[in-house]
Amino acid sequence: MNQRIVTRKADRRHLHGINRLIRETNIGSPMKQMEEGNFWFVRMDGRIVGYVGLEFIDGKTVLLKHLAV
């Protein structure tokens, strides 16, 4: 099996794929718009299969705000 896996910073262009993942994993309501912050996604064979939202505090701390796989 030859899968192509890509990790990228997310923006509003990726909202549809992230919302699909949120619905499929039953973790909450889909987002109406892309929230401010640092969002990253993982795409496998053209489909978003994971995403994470991070908040950075004072250069020493990172909060995991959102996660779906």
PDB file of N, CA and C in Angstrom:
ATOM      1  N   MET A   1       0.848  -1.167   0.000  1.00  0.00           N
ATOM      2  CA  MET A   1       0.000   0.000   0.000  1.00  0.00           C
ATOM      3  C   MET A   1       0.899   1.237   0.000  1.00  0.00           C
ATOM      4  N   ASN A   2       0.707   2.119  -0.951  1.00  0.00           N
ATOM      5  CA  ASN A   2       1.506   3.319  -1.097  1.00  0.00           C
ATOM      6  C   ASN A   2       0.648   4.536  -0.771  1.00  0.00           C
ATOM      7  N   GLN A   3       0.661   4.952   0.512  1.00  0.00           N
ATOM      8  CA  GLN A   3      -0.155   6.081   0.947  1.00  0.00           C
ATOM      9  C   GLN A   3       0.676   7.351   0.984  1.00  0.00           C
ATOM     10  N   ARG A   4       0.068   8.443   0.617  1.00  0.00           N
ATOM     11  CA  ARG A   4       0.720   9.751   0.701  1.00  0.00           C
ATOM     12  C   ARG A   4       0.160  10.481   1.912  1.00  0.00           C
ATOM     13  N   ILE A   5       1.045  10.819   2.868  1.00  0.00           N
ATOM     14  CA  ILE A   5       0.646  11.498   4.093  1.00  0.00           C
ATOM     15  C   ILE A   5       1.302  12.873   4.110  1.00  0.00           C
ATOM     16  N   VAL A   6       0.479  13.924   4.372  1.00  0.00           N
ATOM     17  CA  VAL A   6       0.952  15.305   4.360  1.00  0.00           C
ATOM     18  C   VAL A   6       0.445  15.997   5.620  1.00  0.00           C
ATOM     19  N   THR A   7       1.297  16.791   6.275  1.00  0.00           N
ATOM     20  CA  THR A   7       0.906  17.619   7.419  1.00  0.00           C
ATOM     21  C   THR A   7       1.101  19.075   7.027  1.00  0.00           C
ATOM     22  N   ARG A   8       0.073  19.891   7.269  1.00  0.00           N
ATOM     23  CA  ARG A   8       0.117  21.306   6.871  1.00  0.00           C
ATOM     24  C   ARG A   8      -0.609  22.169   7.900  1.00  0.00           C
ATOM     25  N   LYS A   9      -0.295  23.454   7.895  1.00  0.00           N
ATOM     26  CA  LYS A   9      -1.023  24.429   8.701  1.00  0.00           C
ATOM     27  C   LYS A   9      -2.385  24.651   8.041  1.00  0.00           C
ATOM     28  N   ALA A  10      -3.436  24.631   8.839  1.00  0.00           N
ATOM     29  CA  ALA A  10      -4.794  24.756   8.311  1.00  0.00           C
ATOM     30  C   ALA A  10      -5.218  26.214   8.231  1.00  0.00           C
ATOM     31  N   ASP A  11      -6.069  26.503   7.271  1.00  0.00           N
ATOM     32  CA  ASP A  11      -6.729  27.809   7.171  1.00  0.00           C
ATOM     33  C   ASP A  11      -8.151  27.565   6.684  1.00  0.00           C
ATOM     34  N   ARG A  12      -8.868  28.634   6.353  1.00  0.00           N
ATOM     35  CA  ARG A  12     -10.294  28.481   6.012  1.00  0.00           C
ATOM     36  C   ARG A  12     -10.548  27.565   4.818  1.00  0.00           C
ATOM     37  N   ARG A  13      -9.569  27.357   3.957  1.00  0.00           N
ATOM     38  CA  ARG A  13      -9.751  26.437   2.819  1.00  0.00           C
ATOM     39  C   ARG A  13      -9.947  25.002   3.279  1.00  0.00           C
ATOM     40  N   HIS A  14      -9.506  24.680   4.476  1.00  0.00           N
ATOM     41  CA  HIS A  14      -9.556  23.307   4.970  1.00  0.00           C
ATOM     42  C   HIS A  14     -10.746  23.057   5.895  1.00  0.00           C
ATOM     43  N   LEU A  15     -11.565  24.086   6.110  1.00  0.00           N
ATOM     44  CA  LEU A  15     -12.674  23.995   7.057  1.00  0.00           C
ATOM     45  C   LEU A  15     -13.649  22.865   6.713  1.00  0.00           C
ATOM     46  N   HIS A  16     -13.981  22.693   5.447  1.00  0.00           N
ATOM     47  CA  HIS A  16     -14.927  21.641   5.055  1.00  0.00           C
ATOM     48  C   HIS A  16     -14.411  20.256   5.465  1.00  0.00           C
ATOM     49  N   GLY A  17     -13.160  19.976   5.171  1.00  0.00           N
ATOM     50  CA  GLY A  17     -12.583  18.674   5.516  1.00  0.00           C
ATOM     51  C   GLY A  17     -12.463  18.466   7.017  1.00  0.00           C
ATOM     52  N   ILE A  18     -12.128  19.538   7.757  1.00  0.00           N
ATOM     53  CA  ILE A  18     -12.039  19.443   9.214  1.00  0.00           C
ATOM     54  C   ILE A  18     -13.424  19.220   9.809  1.00  0.00           C
ATOM     55  N   ASN A  19     -14.435  19.920   9.301  1.00  0.00           N
ATOM     56  CA  ASN A  19     -15.799  19.720   9.788  1.00  0.00           C
ATOM     57  C   ASN A  19     -16.299  18.307   9.493  1.00  0.00           C
ATOM     58  N   ARG A  20     -15.934  17.754   8.368  1.00  0.00           N
ATOM     59  CA  ARG A  20     -16.303  16.365   8.070  1.00  0.00           C
ATOM     60  C   ARG A  20     -15.723  15.443   9.137  1.00  0.00           C
ATOM     61  N   LEU A  21     -14.470  15.671   9.502  1.00  0.00           N
ATOM     62  CA  LEU A  21     -13.822  14.857  10.522  1.00  0.00           C
ATOM     63  C   LEU A  21     -14.501  15.035  11.886  1.00  0.00           C
ATOM     64  N   ILE A  22     -14.866  16.267  12.236  1.00  0.00           N
ATOM     65  CA  ILE A  22     -15.566  16.525  13.498  1.00  0.00           C
ATOM     66  C   ILE A  22     -16.884  15.758  13.540  1.00  0.00           C
ATOM     67  N   ARG A  23     -17.642  15.779  12.437  1.00  0.00           N
ATOM     68  CA  ARG A  23     -18.916  15.044  12.394  1.00  0.00           C
ATOM     69  C   ARG A  23     -18.684  13.534  12.498  1.00  0.00           C
ATOM     70  N   GLU A  24     -17.704  13.016  11.781  1.00  0.00           N
ATOM     71  CA  GLU A  24     -17.462  11.570  11.777  1.00  0.00           C
ATOM     72  C   GLU A  24     -16.973  11.049  13.124  1.00  0.00           C
ATOM     73  N   THR A  25     -16.240  11.878  13.872  1.00  0.00           N
ATOM     74  CA  THR A  25     -15.714  11.436  15.160  1.00  0.00           C
ATOM     75  C   THR A  25     -16.645  11.773  16.320  1.00  0.00           C
ATOM     76  N   ASN A  26     -17.738  12.488  16.036  1.00  0.00           N
ATOM     77  CA  ASN A  26     -18.737  12.843  17.054  1.00  0.00           C
ATOM     78  C   ASN A  26     -18.126  13.558  18.252  1.00  0.00           C
ATOM     79  N   ILE A  27     -17.216  14.522  17.993  1.00  0.00           N
ATOM     80  CA  ILE A  27     -16.573  15.222  19.105  1.00  0.00           C
ATOM     81  C   ILE A  27     -17.201  16.576  19.398  1.00  0.00           C
ATOM     82  N   GLY A  28     -18.173  16.985  18.622  1.00  0.00           N
ATOM     83  CA  GLY A  28     -18.805  18.277  18.850  1.00  0.00           C
ATOM     84  C   GLY A  28     -19.449  18.791  17.587  1.00  0.00           C
ATOM     85  N   SER A  29     -19.783  20.062  17.627  1.00  0.00           N
ATOM     86  CA  SER A  29     -20.436  20.698  16.488  1.00  0.00           C
ATOM     87  C   SER A  29     -19.394  21.218  15.499  1.00  0.00           C
ATOM     88  N   PRO A  30     -19.697  21.146  14.216  1.00  0.00           N
ATOM     89  CA  PRO A  30     -18.790  21.706  13.208  1.00  0.00           C
ATOM     90  C   PRO A  30     -18.582  23.199  13.430  1.00  0.00           C
ATOM     91  N   MET A  31     -17.426  23.696  13.041  1.00  0.00           N
ATOM     92  CA  MET A  31     -17.109  25.117  13.164  1.00  0.00           C
ATOM     93  C   MET A  31     -17.771  25.888  12.036  1.00  0.00           C
ATOM     94  N   LYS A  32     -18.314  27.064  12.343  1.00  0.00           N
ATOM     95  CA  LYS A  32     -18.916  27.915  11.316  1.00  0.00           C
ATOM     96  C   LYS A  32     -17.843  28.648  10.522  1.00  0.00           C
ATOM     97  N   GLN A  33     -16.752  28.951  11.181  1.00  0.00           N
ATOM     98  CA  GLN A  33     -15.609  29.582  10.507  1.00  0.00           C
ATOM     99  C   GLN A  33     -14.351  29.100  11.202  1.00  0.00           C
ATOM    100  N   MET A  34     -13.233  29.282  10.547  1.00  0.00           N
ATOM    101  CA  MET A  34     -11.963  28.860  11.119  1.00  0.00           C
ATOM    102  C   MET A  34     -11.619  29.796  12.273  1.00  0.00           C
ATOM    103  N   GLU A  35     -11.420  29.237  13.445  1.00  0.00           N
ATOM    104  CA  GLU A  35     -11.060  30.035  14.612  1.00  0.00           C
ATOM    105  C   GLU A  35      -9.641  30.573  14.459  1.00  0.00           C
ATOM    106  N   GLU A  36      -9.365  31.658  15.174  1.00  0.00           N
ATOM    107  CA  GLU A  36      -8.010  32.180  15.197  1.00  0.00           C
ATOM    108  C   GLU A  36      -7.123  31.202  15.963  1.00  0.00           C
ATOM    109  N   GLY A  37      -5.900  31.090  15.560  1.00  0.00           N
ATOM    110  CA  GLY A  37      -4.971  30.231  16.286  1.00  0.00           C
ATOM    111  C   GLY A  37      -4.148  29.380  15.360  1.00  0.00           C
ATOM    112  N   ASN A  38      -3.509  28.424  15.950  1.00  0.00           N
ATOM    113  CA  ASN A  38      -2.640  27.519  15.217  1.00  0.00           C
ATOM    114  C   ASN A  38      -3.325  26.179  15.046  1.00  0.00           C
ATOM    115  N   PHE A  39      -3.798  25.924  13.837  1.00  0.00           N
ATOM    116  CA  PHE A  39      -4.439  24.656  13.512  1.00  0.00           C
ATOM    117  C   PHE A  39      -3.592  23.940  12.463  1.00  0.00           C
ATOM    118  N   TRP A  40      -3.451  22.672  12.650  1.00  0.00           N
ATOM    119  CA  TRP A  40      -2.693  21.838  11.729  1.00  0.00           C
ATOM    120  C   TRP A  40      -3.553  20.626  11.384  1.00  0.00           C
ATOM    121  N   PHE A  41      -3.356  20.092  10.181  1.00  0.00           N
ATOM    122  CA  PHE A  41      -4.106  18.907   9.786  1.00  0.00           C
ATOM    123  C   PHE A  41      -3.184  17.876   9.146  1.00  0.00           C
ATOM    124  N   VAL A  42      -3.664  16.650   9.144  1.00  0.00           N
ATOM    125  CA  VAL A  42      -2.975  15.549   8.467  1.00  0.00           C
ATOM    126  C   VAL A  42      -3.898  15.062   7.368  1.00  0.00           C
ATOM    127  N   ARG A  43      -3.372  14.984   6.163  1.00  0.00           N
ATOM    128  CA  ARG A  43      -4.129  14.492   5.017  1.00  0.00           C
ATOM    129  C   ARG A  43      -3.468  13.202   4.538  1.00  0.00           C
ATOM    130  N   MET A  44      -4.288  12.175   4.360  1.00  0.00           N
ATOM    131  CA  MET A  44      -3.795  10.907   3.832  1.00  0.00           C
ATOM    132  C   MET A  44      -4.568  10.594   2.566  1.00  0.00           C
ATOM    133  N   ASP A  45      -3.847  10.461   1.487  1.00  0.00           N
ATOM    134  CA  ASP A  45      -4.455  10.166   0.190  1.00  0.00           C
ATOM    135  C   ASP A  45      -5.583  11.140  -0.159  1.00  0.00           C
ATOM    136  N   GLY A  46      -5.365  12.435   0.121  1.00  0.00           N
ATOM    137  CA  GLY A  46      -6.308  13.475  -0.256  1.00  0.00           C
ATOM    138  C   GLY A  46      -7.431  13.740   0.724  1.00  0.00           C
ATOM    139  N   ARG A  47      -7.480  13.013   1.830  1.00  0.00           N
ATOM    140  CA  ARG A  47      -8.572  13.165   2.800  1.00  0.00           C
ATOM    141  C   ARG A  47      -8.004  13.571   4.162  1.00  0.00           C
ATOM    142  N   ILE A  48      -8.601  14.580   4.805  1.00  0.00           N
ATOM    143  CA  ILE A  48      -8.144  14.999   6.123  1.00  0.00           C
ATOM    144  C   ILE A  48      -8.540  13.922   7.130  1.00  0.00           C
ATOM    145  N   VAL A  49      -7.539  13.374   7.832  1.00  0.00           N
ATOM    146  CA  VAL A  49      -7.764  12.280   8.777  1.00  0.00           C
ATOM    147  C   VAL A  49      -7.430  12.672  10.212  1.00  0.00           C
ATOM    148  N   GLY A  50      -6.918  13.876  10.419  1.00  0.00           N
ATOM    149  CA  GLY A  50      -6.619  14.336  11.767  1.00  0.00           C
ATOM    150  C   GLY A  50      -6.387  15.835  11.769  1.00  0.00           C
ATOM    151  N   TYR A  51      -6.684  16.458  12.904  1.00  0.00           N
ATOM    152  CA  TYR A  51      -6.359  17.879  13.036  1.00  0.00           C
ATOM    153  C   TYR A  51      -6.145  18.201  14.505  1.00  0.00           C
ATOM    154  N   VAL A  52      -5.405  19.268  14.741  1.00  0.00           N
ATOM    155  CA  VAL A  52      -5.103  19.693  16.094  1.00  0.00           C
ATOM    156  C   VAL A  52      -5.107  21.222  16.141  1.00  0.00           C
ATOM    157  N   GLY A  53      -5.597  21.766  17.241  1.00  0.00           N
ATOM    158  CA  GLY A  53      -5.557  23.207  17.485  1.00  0.00           C
ATOM    159  C   GLY A  53      -4.696  23.466  18.706  1.00  0.00           C
ATOM    160  N   LEU A  54      -3.731  24.357  18.587  1.00  0.00           N
ATOM    161  CA  LEU A  54      -2.791  24.651  19.664  1.00  0.00           C
ATOM    162  C   LEU A  54      -2.857  26.119  20.054  1.00  0.00           C
ATOM    163  N   GLU A  55      -2.626  26.388  21.330  1.00  0.00           N
ATOM    164  CA  GLU A  55      -2.489  27.763  21.800  1.00  0.00           C
ATOM    165  C   GLU A  55      -1.148  27.866  22.514  1.00  0.00           C
ATOM    166  N   PHE A  56      -0.328  28.835  22.090  1.00  0.00           N
ATOM    167  CA  PHE A  56       0.995  29.030  22.674  1.00  0.00           C
ATOM    168  C   PHE A  56       0.924  30.147  23.709  1.00  0.00           C
ATOM    169  N   ILE A  57       1.489  29.883  24.891  1.00  0.00           N
ATOM    170  CA  ILE A  57       1.458  30.846  25.985  1.00  0.00           C
ATOM    171  C   ILE A  57       2.886  31.120  26.445  1.00  0.00           C
ATOM    172  N   ASP A  58       3.261  32.361  26.459  1.00  0.00           N
ATOM    173  CA  ASP A  58       4.532  32.877  26.970  1.00  0.00           C
ATOM    174  C   ASP A  58       5.788  32.146  26.489  1.00  0.00           C
ATOM    175  N   GLY A  59       5.748  31.531  25.358  1.00  0.00           N
ATOM    176  CA  GLY A  59       6.933  30.894  24.787  1.00  0.00           C
ATOM    177  C   GLY A  59       7.382  29.618  25.477  1.00  0.00           C
ATOM    178  N   LYS A  60       6.680  29.206  26.524  1.00  0.00           N
ATOM    179  CA  LYS A  60       7.085  28.007  27.273  1.00  0.00           C
ATOM    180  C   LYS A  60       5.990  26.944  27.344  1.00  0.00           C
ATOM    181  N   THR A  61       4.762  27.353  27.075  1.00  0.00           N
ATOM    182  CA  THR A  61       3.626  26.465  27.298  1.00  0.00           C
ATOM    183  C   THR A  61       2.782  26.356  26.031  1.00  0.00           C
ATOM    184  N   VAL A  62       2.322  25.145  25.751  1.00  0.00           N
ATOM    185  CA  VAL A  62       1.413  24.915  24.629  1.00  0.00           C
ATOM    186  C   VAL A  62       0.174  24.207  25.164  1.00  0.00           C
ATOM    187  N   LEU A  63      -0.993  24.756  24.855  1.00  0.00           N
ATOM    188  CA  LEU A  63      -2.253  24.118  25.218  1.00  0.00           C
ATOM    189  C   LEU A  63      -2.826  23.407  23.999  1.00  0.00           C
ATOM    190  N   LEU A  64      -3.234  22.192  24.198  1.00  0.00           N
ATOM    191  CA  LEU A  64      -3.925  21.428  23.161  1.00  0.00           C
ATOM    192  C   LEU A  64      -5.402  21.774  23.273  1.00  0.00           C
ATOM    193  N   LYS A  65      -5.917  22.527  22.298  1.00  0.00           N
ATOM    194  CA  LYS A  65      -7.302  23.006  22.353  1.00  0.00           C
ATOM    195  C   LYS A  65      -8.274  22.092  21.633  1.00  0.00           C
ATOM    196  N   HIS A  66      -7.864  21.541  20.527  1.00  0.00           N
ATOM    197  CA  HIS A  66      -8.736  20.688  19.709  1.00  0.00           C
ATOM    198  C   HIS A  66      -7.911  19.512  19.190  1.00  0.00           C
ATOM    199  N   LEU A  67      -8.563  18.353  19.096  1.00  0.00           N
ATOM    200  CA  LEU A  67      -7.900  17.181  18.525  1.00  0.00           C
ATOM    201  C   LEU A  67      -8.960  16.236  17.987  1.00  0.00           C
ATOM    202  N   ALA A  68      -8.787  15.809  16.774  1.00  0.00           N
ATOM    203  CA  ALA A  68      -9.657  14.780  16.191  1.00  0.00           C
ATOM    204  C   ALA A  68      -8.817  13.911  15.266  1.00  0.00           C
ATOM    205  N   VAL A  69      -9.011  12.621  15.362  1.00  0.00           N
ATOM    206  CA  VAL A  69      -8.293  11.672  14.516  1.00  0.00           C
ATOM    207  C   VAL A  69      -9.273  10.622  14.043  1.00  0.00           C
TER     208      VAL A  69
END
